[in-house]
Amino acid sequence: MSRLRLMEDLEGDDPILSVVNLIDVFLVVIAALLLAVAGSAVNPFSSESVTVIKNPGKDNMEIVVKDGHKIDRYKASGEIGEGQGAKAGVAYRLKDGSMVYVPEADSQAQPQPNP
């Protein structure tokens, strides 16, 4: 009987068992990380098109555009852009937060009579 009790005590003190438990923990962590990458919007392995805006409206704003397998990053320089063009319409923000774009009537177009 004392010999069996001695064998049981030796199995409880085996340091290899704790290493096996650590390996199991690392496997679970790796599986969780793989699932997080697979569910991410900017998953490098998916072929979806995604646009992500980081820090909108701030000096360090960044836009990440993923189109298929191509990823482009655009960083704000803090400078005000300028160019040529014409006013195309007016945008209004409604009380519910949605935006409505109203194009301007072409000043050269002839008004159509109502039937």
PDB file of N, CA and C in Angstrom:
ATOM      1  N   MET A   1       0.811  -1.185   0.000  1.00  0.00           N
ATOM      2  CA  MET A   1       0.000   0.000   0.000  1.00  0.00           C
ATOM      3  C   MET A   1       0.862   1.259   0.000  1.00  0.00           C
ATOM      4  N   SER A   2       1.927   1.283   0.755  1.00  0.00           N
ATOM      5  CA  SER A   2       2.761   2.473   0.814  1.00  0.00           C
ATOM      6  C   SER A   2       3.437   2.741  -0.520  1.00  0.00           C
ATOM      7  N   ARG A   3       3.679   1.688  -1.282  1.00  0.00           N
ATOM      8  CA  ARG A   3       4.303   1.852  -2.584  1.00  0.00           C
ATOM      9  C   ARG A   3       3.343   2.570  -3.557  1.00  0.00           C
ATOM     10  N   LEU A   4       2.055   2.265  -3.525  1.00  0.00           N
ATOM     11  CA  LEU A   4       1.072   2.920  -4.384  1.00  0.00           C
ATOM     12  C   LEU A   4       0.902   4.393  -4.001  1.00  0.00           C
ATOM     13  N   ARG A   5       0.921   4.638  -2.718  1.00  0.00           N
ATOM     14  CA  ARG A   5       0.785   6.014  -2.259  1.00  0.00           C
ATOM     15  C   ARG A   5       2.000   6.839  -2.707  1.00  0.00           C
ATOM     16  N   LEU A   6       3.161   6.253  -2.699  1.00  0.00           N
ATOM     17  CA  LEU A   6       4.374   6.934  -3.135  1.00  0.00           C
ATOM     18  C   LEU A   6       4.290   7.254  -4.635  1.00  0.00           C
ATOM     19  N   MET A   7       3.737   6.367  -5.459  1.00  0.00           N
ATOM     20  CA  MET A   7       3.586   6.594  -6.900  1.00  0.00           C
ATOM     21  C   MET A   7       2.594   7.735  -7.155  1.00  0.00           C
ATOM     22  N   GLU A   8       1.519   7.796  -6.379  1.00  0.00           N
ATOM     23  CA  GLU A   8       0.542   8.862  -6.551  1.00  0.00           C
ATOM     24  C   GLU A   8       1.144  10.217  -6.201  1.00  0.00           C
ATOM     25  N   ASP A   9       1.951  10.265  -5.190  1.00  0.00           N
ATOM     26  CA  ASP A   9       2.594  11.520  -4.805  1.00  0.00           C
ATOM     27  C   ASP A   9       3.582  11.988  -5.876  1.00  0.00           C
ATOM     28  N   LEU A  10       4.268  11.066  -6.500  1.00  0.00           N
ATOM     29  CA  LEU A  10       5.231  11.434  -7.537  1.00  0.00           C
ATOM     30  C   LEU A  10       4.512  11.998  -8.767  1.00  0.00           C
ATOM     31  N   GLU A  11       3.349  11.462  -9.106  1.00  0.00           N
ATOM     32  CA  GLU A  11       2.609  11.958 -10.257  1.00  0.00           C
ATOM     33  C   GLU A  11       2.094  13.381 -10.011  1.00  0.00           C
ATOM     34  N   GLY A  12       1.747  13.695  -8.787  1.00  0.00           N
ATOM     35  CA  GLY A  12       1.253  15.033  -8.466  1.00  0.00           C
ATOM     36  C   GLY A  12       2.337  16.086  -8.534  1.00  0.00           C
ATOM     37  N   ASP A  13       3.589  15.734  -8.360  1.00  0.00           N
ATOM     38  CA  ASP A  13       4.701  16.675  -8.356  1.00  0.00           C
ATOM     39  C   ASP A  13       5.437  16.735  -9.693  1.00  0.00           C
ATOM     40  N   ASP A  14       4.925  16.102 -10.711  1.00  0.00           N
ATOM     41  CA  ASP A  14       5.614  16.027 -12.000  1.00  0.00           C
ATOM     42  C   ASP A  14       5.572  17.403 -12.697  1.00  0.00           C
ATOM     43  N   PRO A  15       6.716  18.051 -12.966  1.00  0.00           N
ATOM     44  CA  PRO A  15       6.733  19.372 -13.592  1.00  0.00           C
ATOM     45  C   PRO A  15       6.306  19.340 -15.064  1.00  0.00           C
ATOM     46  N   ILE A  16       6.394  18.200 -15.699  1.00  0.00           N
ATOM     47  CA  ILE A  16       5.991  18.097 -17.103  1.00  0.00           C
ATOM     48  C   ILE A  16       4.487  18.341 -17.242  1.00  0.00           C
ATOM     49  N   LEU A  17       3.702  17.979 -16.252  1.00  0.00           N
ATOM     50  CA  LEU A  17       2.259  18.185 -16.320  1.00  0.00           C
ATOM     51  C   LEU A  17       1.915  19.670 -16.381  1.00  0.00           C
ATOM     52  N   SER A  18       2.656  20.507 -15.683  1.00  0.00           N
ATOM     53  CA  SER A  18       2.384  21.942 -15.742  1.00  0.00           C
ATOM     54  C   SER A  18       2.765  22.517 -17.104  1.00  0.00           C
ATOM     55  N   VAL A  19       3.806  21.977 -17.732  1.00  0.00           N
ATOM     56  CA  VAL A  19       4.193  22.417 -19.072  1.00  0.00           C
ATOM     57  C   VAL A  19       3.102  22.052 -20.078  1.00  0.00           C
ATOM     58  N   VAL A  20       2.529  20.873 -19.942  1.00  0.00           N
ATOM     59  CA  VAL A  20       1.442  20.453 -20.827  1.00  0.00           C
ATOM     60  C   VAL A  20       0.241  21.383 -20.658  1.00  0.00           C
ATOM     61  N   ASN A  21      -0.044  21.789 -19.431  1.00  0.00           N
ATOM     62  CA  ASN A  21      -1.141  22.721 -19.200  1.00  0.00           C
ATOM     63  C   ASN A  21      -0.858  24.079 -19.840  1.00  0.00           C
ATOM     64  N   LEU A  22       0.379  24.556 -19.797  1.00  0.00           N
ATOM     65  CA  LEU A  22       0.736  25.819 -20.441  1.00  0.00           C
ATOM     66  C   LEU A  22       0.558  25.741 -21.953  1.00  0.00           C
ATOM     67  N   ILE A  23       0.927  24.612 -22.527  1.00  0.00           N
ATOM     68  CA  ILE A  23       0.751  24.428 -23.968  1.00  0.00           C
ATOM     69  C   ILE A  23      -0.726  24.487 -24.322  1.00  0.00           C
ATOM     70  N   ASP A  24      -1.581  23.898 -23.516  1.00  0.00           N
ATOM     71  CA  ASP A  24      -3.026  23.958 -23.759  1.00  0.00           C
ATOM     72  C   ASP A  24      -3.533  25.396 -23.701  1.00  0.00           C
ATOM     73  N   VAL A  25      -3.042  26.164 -22.750  1.00  0.00           N
ATOM     74  CA  VAL A  25      -3.454  27.566 -22.629  1.00  0.00           C
ATOM     75  C   VAL A  25      -3.015  28.351 -23.862  1.00  0.00           C
ATOM     76  N   PHE A  26      -1.784  28.141 -24.335  1.00  0.00           N
ATOM     77  CA  PHE A  26      -1.302  28.842 -25.520  1.00  0.00           C
ATOM     78  C   PHE A  26      -2.112  28.468 -26.755  1.00  0.00           C
ATOM     79  N   LEU A  27      -2.514  27.226 -26.886  1.00  0.00           N
ATOM     80  CA  LEU A  27      -3.334  26.816 -28.025  1.00  0.00           C
ATOM     81  C   LEU A  27      -4.691  27.529 -28.014  1.00  0.00           C
ATOM     82  N   VAL A  28      -5.268  27.692 -26.846  1.00  0.00           N
ATOM     83  CA  VAL A  28      -6.542  28.396 -26.742  1.00  0.00           C
ATOM     84  C   VAL A  28      -6.358  29.870 -27.105  1.00  0.00           C
ATOM     85  N   VAL A  29      -5.281  30.500 -26.654  1.00  0.00           N
ATOM     86  CA  VAL A  29      -5.014  31.904 -26.966  1.00  0.00           C
ATOM     87  C   VAL A  29      -4.795  32.087 -28.474  1.00  0.00           C
ATOM     88  N   ILE A  30      -4.052  31.188 -29.100  1.00  0.00           N
ATOM     89  CA  ILE A  30      -3.804  31.267 -30.539  1.00  0.00           C
ATOM     90  C   ILE A  30      -5.110  31.111 -31.309  1.00  0.00           C
ATOM     91  N   ALA A  31      -5.956  30.190 -30.897  1.00  0.00           N
ATOM     92  CA  ALA A  31      -7.250  30.006 -31.566  1.00  0.00           C
ATOM     93  C   ALA A  31      -8.109  31.264 -31.436  1.00  0.00           C
ATOM     94  N   ALA A  32      -8.099  31.899 -30.274  1.00  0.00           N
ATOM     95  CA  ALA A  32      -8.870  33.128 -30.081  1.00  0.00           C
ATOM     96  C   ALA A  32      -8.337  34.253 -30.972  1.00  0.00           C
ATOM     97  N   LEU A  33      -7.025  34.368 -31.104  1.00  0.00           N
ATOM     98  CA  LEU A  33      -6.446  35.398 -31.969  1.00  0.00           C
ATOM     99  C   LEU A  33      -6.791  35.155 -33.436  1.00  0.00           C
ATOM    100  N   LEU A  34      -6.761  33.911 -33.877  1.00  0.00           N
ATOM    101  CA  LEU A  34      -7.125  33.590 -35.254  1.00  0.00           C
ATOM    102  C   LEU A  34      -8.585  33.936 -35.531  1.00  0.00           C
ATOM    103  N   LEU A  35      -9.460  33.664 -34.582  1.00  0.00           N
ATOM    104  CA  LEU A  35     -10.866  34.016 -34.749  1.00  0.00           C
ATOM    105  C   LEU A  35     -11.055  35.533 -34.787  1.00  0.00           C
ATOM    106  N   ALA A  36     -10.279  36.267 -33.995  1.00  0.00           N
ATOM    107  CA  ALA A  36     -10.369  37.725 -34.003  1.00  0.00           C
ATOM    108  C   ALA A  36      -9.910  38.300 -35.340  1.00  0.00           C
ATOM    109  N   VAL A  37      -8.857  37.758 -35.914  1.00  0.00           N
ATOM    110  CA  VAL A  37      -8.368  38.233 -37.213  1.00  0.00           C
ATOM    111  C   VAL A  37      -9.373  37.887 -38.305  1.00  0.00           C
ATOM    112  N   ALA A  38      -9.968  36.712 -38.241  1.00  0.00           N
ATOM    113  CA  ALA A  38     -10.933  36.292 -39.257  1.00  0.00           C
ATOM    114  C   ALA A  38     -12.192  37.157 -39.209  1.00  0.00           C
ATOM    115  N   GLY A  39     -12.575  37.632 -38.044  1.00  0.00           N
ATOM    116  CA  GLY A  39     -13.777  38.456 -37.914  1.00  0.00           C
ATOM    117  C   GLY A  39     -13.521  39.930 -38.071  1.00  0.00           C
ATOM    118  N   SER A  40     -12.292  40.340 -38.230  1.00  0.00           N
ATOM    119  CA  SER A  40     -11.943  41.752 -38.342  1.00  0.00           C
ATOM    120  C   SER A  40     -12.408  42.319 -39.674  1.00  0.00           C
ATOM    121  N   ALA A  41     -12.753  43.611 -39.667  1.00  0.00           N
ATOM    122  CA  ALA A  41     -13.207  44.270 -40.891  1.00  0.00           C
ATOM    123  C   ALA A  41     -12.094  44.378 -41.919  1.00  0.00           C
ATOM    124  N   VAL A  42     -10.872  44.523 -41.484  1.00  0.00           N
ATOM    125  CA  VAL A  42      -9.741  44.644 -42.403  1.00  0.00           C
ATOM    126  C   VAL A  42      -8.950  43.345 -42.475  1.00  0.00           C
ATOM    127  N   ASN A  43      -9.651  42.247 -42.470  1.00  0.00           N
ATOM    128  CA  ASN A  43      -9.036  40.930 -42.586  1.00  0.00           C
ATOM    129  C   ASN A  43      -8.247  40.857 -43.895  1.00  0.00           C
ATOM    130  N   PRO A  44      -6.952  40.603 -43.837  1.00  0.00           N
ATOM    131  CA  PRO A  44      -6.162  40.583 -45.069  1.00  0.00           C
ATOM    132  C   PRO A  44      -6.492  39.410 -45.984  1.00  0.00           C
ATOM    133  N   PHE A  45      -7.230  38.413 -45.508  1.00  0.00           N
ATOM    134  CA  PHE A  45      -7.519  37.227 -46.300  1.00  0.00           C
ATOM    135  C   PHE A  45      -8.885  37.266 -46.967  1.00  0.00           C
ATOM    136  N   SER A  46      -9.719  38.276 -46.677  1.00  0.00           N
ATOM    137  CA  SER A  46     -11.030  38.355 -47.315  1.00  0.00           C
ATOM    138  C   SER A  46     -10.931  39.235 -48.557  1.00  0.00           C
ATOM    139  N   SER A  47     -11.895  39.110 -49.455  1.00  0.00           N
ATOM    140  CA  SER A  47     -11.873  39.906 -50.680  1.00  0.00           C
ATOM    141  C   SER A  47     -12.947  40.983 -50.669  1.00  0.00           C
ATOM    142  N   GLU A  48     -13.442  41.346 -49.499  1.00  0.00           N
ATOM    143  CA  GLU A  48     -14.457  42.383 -49.386  1.00  0.00           C
ATOM    144  C   GLU A  48     -13.823  43.767 -49.484  1.00  0.00           C
ATOM    145  N   SER A  49     -14.645  44.759 -49.852  1.00  0.00           N
ATOM    146  CA  SER A  49     -14.192  46.153 -49.876  1.00  0.00           C
ATOM    147  C   SER A  49     -14.637  46.835 -48.592  1.00  0.00           C
ATOM    148  N   VAL A  50     -13.677  47.445 -47.874  1.00  0.00           N
ATOM    149  CA  VAL A  50     -13.952  48.058 -46.578  1.00  0.00           C
ATOM    150  C   VAL A  50     -13.208  49.387 -46.499  1.00  0.00           C
ATOM    151  N   THR A  51     -13.855  50.398 -45.883  1.00  0.00           N
ATOM    152  CA  THR A  51     -13.211  51.675 -45.602  1.00  0.00           C
ATOM    153  C   THR A  51     -13.314  51.947 -44.109  1.00  0.00           C
ATOM    154  N   VAL A  52     -12.172  52.205 -43.472  1.00  0.00           N
ATOM    155  CA  VAL A  52     -12.120  52.471 -42.033  1.00  0.00           C
ATOM    156  C   VAL A  52     -11.513  53.854 -41.832  1.00  0.00           C
ATOM    157  N   ILE A  53     -12.172  54.688 -41.014  1.00  0.00           N
ATOM    158  CA  ILE A  53     -11.668  56.028 -40.706  1.00  0.00           C
ATOM    159  C   ILE A  53     -11.242  56.039 -39.248  1.00  0.00           C
ATOM    160  N   LYS A  54      -9.965  56.278 -39.011  1.00  0.00           N
ATOM    161  CA  LYS A  54      -9.430  56.345 -37.645  1.00  0.00           C
ATOM    162  C   LYS A  54      -9.311  57.806 -37.237  1.00  0.00           C
ATOM    163  N   ASN A  55      -9.711  58.140 -36.022  1.00  0.00           N
ATOM    164  CA  ASN A  55      -9.637  59.496 -35.458  1.00  0.00           C
ATOM    165  C   ASN A  55     -10.253  60.530 -36.390  1.00  0.00           C
ATOM    166  N   PRO A  56     -11.553  60.406 -36.736  1.00  0.00           N
ATOM    167  CA  PRO A  56     -12.147  61.339 -37.693  1.00  0.00           C
ATOM    168  C   PRO A  56     -12.157  62.777 -37.184  1.00  0.00           C
ATOM    169  N   GLY A  57     -11.773  63.702 -38.070  1.00  0.00           N
ATOM    170  CA  GLY A  57     -11.784  65.125 -37.762  1.00  0.00           C
ATOM    171  C   GLY A  57     -10.595  65.618 -36.974  1.00  0.00           C
ATOM    172  N   LYS A  58      -9.663  64.761 -36.641  1.00  0.00           N
ATOM    173  CA  LYS A  58      -8.489  65.177 -35.866  1.00  0.00           C
ATOM    174  C   LYS A  58      -7.278  65.308 -36.776  1.00  0.00           C
ATOM    175  N   ASP A  59      -6.201  65.889 -36.222  1.00  0.00           N
ATOM    176  CA  ASP A  59      -4.986  66.098 -37.013  1.00  0.00           C
ATOM    177  C   ASP A  59      -4.337  64.792 -37.457  1.00  0.00           C
ATOM    178  N   ASN A  60      -4.490  63.725 -36.660  1.00  0.00           N
ATOM    179  CA  ASN A  60      -3.860  62.449 -36.996  1.00  0.00           C
ATOM    180  C   ASN A  60      -4.857  61.469 -37.631  1.00  0.00           C
ATOM    181  N   MET A  61      -5.858  62.009 -38.325  1.00  0.00           N
ATOM    182  CA  MET A  61      -6.868  61.172 -38.972  1.00  0.00           C
ATOM    183  C   MET A  61      -6.218  60.303 -40.051  1.00  0.00           C
ATOM    184  N   GLU A  62      -6.702  59.074 -40.167  1.00  0.00           N
ATOM    185  CA  GLU A  62      -6.181  58.144 -41.162  1.00  0.00           C
ATOM    186  C   GLU A  62      -7.350  57.398 -41.782  1.00  0.00           C
ATOM    187  N   ILE A  63      -7.317  57.219 -43.090  1.00  0.00           N
ATOM    188  CA  ILE A  63      -8.344  56.472 -43.802  1.00  0.00           C
ATOM    189  C   ILE A  63      -7.684  55.234 -44.390  1.00  0.00           C
ATOM    190  N   VAL A  64      -8.232  54.058 -44.054  1.00  0.00           N
ATOM    191  CA  VAL A  64      -7.723  52.794 -44.569  1.00  0.00           C
ATOM    192  C   VAL A  64      -8.781  52.250 -45.526  1.00  0.00           C
ATOM    193  N   VAL A  65      -8.396  52.067 -46.797  1.00  0.00           N
ATOM    194  CA  VAL A  65      -9.307  51.567 -47.818  1.00  0.00           C
ATOM    195  C   VAL A  65      -8.798  50.212 -48.271  1.00  0.00           C
ATOM    196  N   LYS A  66      -9.646  49.187 -48.108  1.00  0.00           N
ATOM    197  CA  LYS A  66      -9.291  47.831 -48.526  1.00  0.00           C
ATOM    198  C   LYS A  66     -10.225  47.453 -49.662  1.00  0.00           C
ATOM    199  N   ASP A  67      -9.673  47.289 -50.834  1.00  0.00           N
ATOM    200  CA  ASP A  67     -10.449  46.908 -52.005  1.00  0.00           C
ATOM    201  C   ASP A  67      -9.926  45.564 -52.493  1.00  0.00           C
ATOM    202  N   GLY A  68     -10.649  44.503 -52.161  1.00  0.00           N
ATOM    203  CA  GLY A  68     -10.175  43.160 -52.492  1.00  0.00           C
ATOM    204  C   GLY A  68      -8.980  42.820 -51.611  1.00  0.00           C
ATOM    205  N   HIS A  69      -7.841  42.574 -52.240  1.00  0.00           N
ATOM    206  CA  HIS A  69      -6.632  42.246 -51.471  1.00  0.00           C
ATOM    207  C   HIS A  69      -5.666  43.425 -51.400  1.00  0.00           C
ATOM    208  N   LYS A  70      -6.050  44.576 -51.950  1.00  0.00           N
ATOM    209  CA  LYS A  70      -5.196  45.768 -51.945  1.00  0.00           C
ATOM    210  C   LYS A  70      -5.617  46.679 -50.801  1.00  0.00           C
ATOM    211  N   ILE A  71      -4.661  47.118 -49.978  1.00  0.00           N
ATOM    212  CA  ILE A  71      -4.927  47.998 -48.845  1.00  0.00           C
ATOM    213  C   ILE A  71      -4.159  49.303 -49.050  1.00  0.00           C
ATOM    214  N   ASP A  72      -4.905  50.426 -49.053  1.00  0.00           N
ATOM    215  CA  ASP A  72      -4.300  51.756 -49.176  1.00  0.00           C
ATOM    216  C   ASP A  72      -4.541  52.525 -47.889  1.00  0.00           C
ATOM    217  N   ARG A  73      -3.541  53.278 -47.449  1.00  0.00           N
ATOM    218  CA  ARG A  73      -3.657  54.104 -46.248  1.00  0.00           C
ATOM    219  C   ARG A  73      -3.442  55.557 -46.648  1.00  0.00           C
ATOM    220  N   TYR A  74      -4.356  56.405 -46.185  1.00  0.00           N
ATOM    221  CA  TYR A  74      -4.254  57.844 -46.432  1.00  0.00           C
ATOM    222  C   TYR A  74      -4.201  58.543 -45.084  1.00  0.00           C
ATOM    223  N   LYS A  75      -3.154  59.337 -44.871  1.00  0.00           N
ATOM    224  CA  LYS A  75      -2.997  60.069 -43.613  1.00  0.00           C
ATOM    225  C   LYS A  75      -3.221  61.546 -43.859  1.00  0.00           C
ATOM    226  N   ALA A  76      -3.880  62.193 -42.901  1.00  0.00           N
ATOM    227  CA  ALA A  76      -4.133  63.629 -43.001  1.00  0.00           C
ATOM    228  C   ALA A  76      -2.828  64.383 -42.781  1.00  0.00           C
ATOM    229  N   SER A  77      -2.612  65.404 -43.613  1.00  0.00           N
ATOM    230  CA  SER A  77      -1.403  66.198 -43.466  1.00  0.00           C
ATOM    231  C   SER A  77      -1.644  67.427 -42.600  1.00  0.00           C
ATOM    232  N   GLY A  78      -2.907  67.729 -42.293  1.00  0.00           N
ATOM    233  CA  GLY A  78      -3.227  68.899 -41.489  1.00  0.00           C
ATOM    234  C   GLY A  78      -3.399  70.150 -42.313  1.00  0.00           C
ATOM    235  N   GLU A  79      -3.129  70.076 -43.623  1.00  0.00           N
ATOM    236  CA  GLU A  79      -3.280  71.227 -44.492  1.00  0.00           C
ATOM    237  C   GLU A  79      -4.691  71.263 -45.062  1.00  0.00           C
ATOM    238  N   ILE A  80      -5.137  72.457 -45.409  1.00  0.00           N
ATOM    239  CA  ILE A  80      -6.452  72.622 -46.004  1.00  0.00           C
ATOM    240  C   ILE A  80      -6.323  72.421 -47.510  1.00  0.00           C
ATOM    241  N   GLY A  81      -7.191  71.582 -48.063  1.00  0.00           N
ATOM    242  CA  GLY A  81      -7.161  71.317 -49.495  1.00  0.00           C
ATOM    243  C   GLY A  81      -7.808  72.449 -50.282  1.00  0.00           C
ATOM    244  N   GLU A  82      -7.447  72.531 -51.531  1.00  0.00           N
ATOM    245  CA  GLU A  82      -7.976  73.595 -52.366  1.00  0.00           C
ATOM    246  C   GLU A  82      -8.025  73.067 -53.791  1.00  0.00           C
ATOM    247  N   GLY A  83      -8.978  73.536 -54.565  1.00  0.00           N
ATOM    248  CA  GLY A  83      -9.093  73.085 -55.945  1.00  0.00           C
ATOM    249  C   GLY A  83     -10.117  73.905 -56.693  1.00  0.00           C
ATOM    250  N   GLN A  84     -10.401  73.485 -57.897  1.00  0.00           N
ATOM    251  CA  GLN A  84     -11.361  74.195 -58.728  1.00  0.00           C
ATOM    252  C   GLN A  84     -12.610  73.346 -58.854  1.00  0.00           C
ATOM    253  N   GLY A  85     -13.747  73.999 -58.949  1.00  0.00           N
ATOM    254  CA  GLY A  85     -14.995  73.271 -59.088  1.00  0.00           C
ATOM    255  C   GLY A  85     -16.170  74.218 -58.951  1.00  0.00           C
ATOM    256  N   ALA A  86     -17.345  73.642 -58.958  1.00  0.00           N
ATOM    257  CA  ALA A  86     -18.562  74.431 -58.827  1.00  0.00           C
ATOM    258  C   ALA A  86     -19.440  73.794 -57.767  1.00  0.00           C
ATOM    259  N   LYS A  87     -20.234  74.620 -57.129  1.00  0.00           N
ATOM    260  CA  LYS A  87     -21.136  74.126 -56.096  1.00  0.00           C
ATOM    261  C   LYS A  87     -22.159  73.197 -56.753  1.00  0.00           C
ATOM    262  N   ALA A  88     -22.301  71.988 -56.219  1.00  0.00           N
ATOM    263  CA  ALA A  88     -23.175  70.991 -56.833  1.00  0.00           C
ATOM    264  C   ALA A  88     -24.494  70.855 -56.090  1.00  0.00           C
ATOM    265  N   GLY A  89     -24.570  71.357 -54.876  1.00  0.00           N
ATOM    266  CA  GLY A  89     -25.797  71.221 -54.115  1.00  0.00           C
ATOM    267  C   GLY A  89     -25.566  71.530 -52.656  1.00  0.00           C
ATOM    268  N   VAL A  90     -26.539  71.180 -51.832  1.00  0.00           N
ATOM    269  CA  VAL A  90     -26.480  71.467 -50.412  1.00  0.00           C
ATOM    270  C   VAL A  90     -26.791  70.182 -49.649  1.00  0.00           C
ATOM    271  N   ALA A  91     -26.084  69.958 -48.569  1.00  0.00           N
ATOM    272  CA  ALA A  91     -26.349  68.803 -47.709  1.00  0.00           C
ATOM    273  C   ALA A  91     -26.949  69.302 -46.400  1.00  0.00           C
ATOM    274  N   TYR A  92     -27.973  68.614 -45.931  1.00  0.00           N
ATOM    275  CA  TYR A  92     -28.645  68.962 -44.679  1.00  0.00           C
ATOM    276  C   TYR A  92     -28.588  67.771 -43.737  1.00  0.00           C
ATOM    277  N   ARG A  93     -28.356  68.048 -42.443  1.00  0.00           N
ATOM    278  CA  ARG A  93     -28.405  66.996 -41.420  1.00  0.00           C
ATOM    279  C   ARG A  93     -29.776  67.079 -40.754  1.00  0.00           C
ATOM    280  N   LEU A  94     -30.499  65.954 -40.775  1.00  0.00           N
ATOM    281  CA  LEU A  94     -31.822  65.897 -40.164  1.00  0.00           C
ATOM    282  C   LEU A  94     -31.710  65.656 -38.666  1.00  0.00           C
ATOM    283  N   LYS A  95     -32.821  65.782 -37.948  1.00  0.00           N
ATOM    284  CA  LYS A  95     -32.815  65.605 -36.493  1.00  0.00           C
ATOM    285  C   LYS A  95     -32.383  64.209 -36.081  1.00  0.00           C
ATOM    286  N   ASP A  96     -32.666  63.211 -36.927  1.00  0.00           N
ATOM    287  CA  ASP A  96     -32.278  61.839 -36.580  1.00  0.00           C
ATOM    288  C   ASP A  96     -30.816  61.544 -36.896  1.00  0.00           C
ATOM    289  N   GLY A  97     -30.081  62.534 -37.416  1.00  0.00           N
ATOM    290  CA  GLY A  97     -28.657  62.363 -37.677  1.00  0.00           C
ATOM    291  C   GLY A  97     -28.340  61.984 -39.116  1.00  0.00           C
ATOM    292  N   SER A  98     -29.344  61.644 -39.912  1.00  0.00           N
ATOM    293  CA  SER A  98     -29.091  61.265 -41.298  1.00  0.00           C
ATOM    294  C   SER A  98     -28.832  62.513 -42.139  1.00  0.00           C
ATOM    295  N   MET A  99     -28.152  62.311 -43.253  1.00  0.00           N
ATOM    296  CA  MET A  99     -27.806  63.410 -44.147  1.00  0.00           C
ATOM    297  C   MET A  99     -28.635  63.305 -45.420  1.00  0.00           C
ATOM    298  N   VAL A 100     -29.073  64.467 -45.918  1.00  0.00           N
ATOM    299  CA  VAL A 100     -29.834  64.537 -47.160  1.00  0.00           C
ATOM    300  C   VAL A 100     -29.106  65.493 -48.089  1.00  0.00           C
ATOM    301  N   TYR A 101     -28.856  65.051 -49.311  1.00  0.00           N
ATOM    302  CA  TYR A 101     -28.199  65.886 -50.314  1.00  0.00           C
ATOM    303  C   TYR A 101     -29.252  66.381 -51.285  1.00  0.00           C
ATOM    304  N   VAL A 102     -29.287  67.700 -51.494  1.00  0.00           N
ATOM    305  CA  VAL A 102     -30.234  68.309 -52.422  1.00  0.00           C
ATOM    306  C   VAL A 102     -29.414  68.958 -53.525  1.00  0.00           C
ATOM    307  N   PRO A 103     -29.464  68.403 -54.751  1.00  0.00           N
ATOM    308  CA  PRO A 103     -28.695  69.012 -55.838  1.00  0.00           C
ATOM    309  C   PRO A 103     -29.304  70.350 -56.235  1.00  0.00           C
ATOM    310  N   GLU A 104     -28.444  71.257 -56.659  1.00  0.00           N
ATOM    311  CA  GLU A 104     -28.921  72.556 -57.102  1.00  0.00           C
ATOM    312  C   GLU A 104     -29.497  72.433 -58.499  1.00  0.00           C
ATOM    313  N   ALA A 105     -30.513  73.233 -58.770  1.00  0.00           N
ATOM    314  CA  ALA A 105     -31.077  73.266 -60.117  1.00  0.00           C
ATOM    315  C   ALA A 105     -30.072  73.931 -61.040  1.00  0.00           C
ATOM    316  N   ASP A 106     -29.906  73.374 -62.223  1.00  0.00           N
ATOM    317  CA  ASP A 106     -28.975  73.934 -63.195  1.00  0.00           C
ATOM    318  C   ASP A 106     -29.499  75.297 -63.636  1.00  0.00           C
ATOM    319  N   SER A 107     -28.707  76.351 -63.482  1.00  0.00           N
ATOM    320  CA  SER A 107     -29.162  77.713 -63.788  1.00  0.00           C
ATOM    321  C   SER A 107     -29.411  77.913 -65.275  1.00  0.00           C
ATOM    322  N   GLN A 108     -28.798  77.096 -66.130  1.00  0.00           N
ATOM    323  CA  GLN A 108     -28.982  77.242 -67.564  1.00  0.00           C
ATOM    324  C   GLN A 108     -30.125  76.377 -68.083  1.00  0.00           C
ATOM    325  N   ALA A 109     -30.617  75.458 -67.294  1.00  0.00           N
ATOM    326  CA  ALA A 109     -31.696  74.574 -67.748  1.00  0.00           C
ATOM    327  C   ALA A 109     -33.019  75.343 -67.724  1.00  0.00           C
ATOM    328  N   GLN A 110     -33.844  75.084 -68.700  1.00  0.00           N
ATOM    329  CA  GLN A 110     -35.139  75.725 -68.795  1.00  0.00           C
ATOM    330  C   GLN A 110     -36.120  75.013 -67.857  1.00  0.00           C
ATOM    331  N   PRO A 111     -36.903  75.750 -67.088  1.00  0.00           N
ATOM    332  CA  PRO A 111     -37.869  75.100 -66.214  1.00  0.00           C
ATOM    333  C   PRO A 111     -38.925  74.371 -67.032  1.00  0.00           C
ATOM    334  N   GLN A 112     -39.299  73.178 -66.598  1.00  0.00           N
ATOM    335  CA  GLN A 112     -40.287  72.373 -67.292  1.00  0.00           C
ATOM    336  C   GLN A 112     -41.677  72.777 -66.791  1.00  0.00           C
ATOM    337  N   PRO A 113     -42.624  73.018 -67.710  1.00  0.00           N
ATOM    338  CA  PRO A 113     -43.983  73.376 -67.272  1.00  0.00           C
ATOM    339  C   PRO A 113     -44.663  72.164 -66.645  1.00  0.00           C
ATOM    340  N   ASN A 114     -45.473  72.419 -65.619  1.00  0.00           N
ATOM    341  CA  ASN A 114     -46.224  71.347 -64.964  1.00  0.00           C
ATOM    342  C   ASN A 114     -47.456  71.022 -65.797  1.00  0.00           C
ATOM    343  N   PRO A 115     -47.744  69.741 -66.107  1.00  0.00           N
ATOM    344  CA  PRO A 115     -48.922  69.413 -66.896  1.00  0.00           C
ATOM    345  C   PRO A 115     -50.188  69.493 -66.100  1.00  0.00           C
TER     346      PRO A 115
END
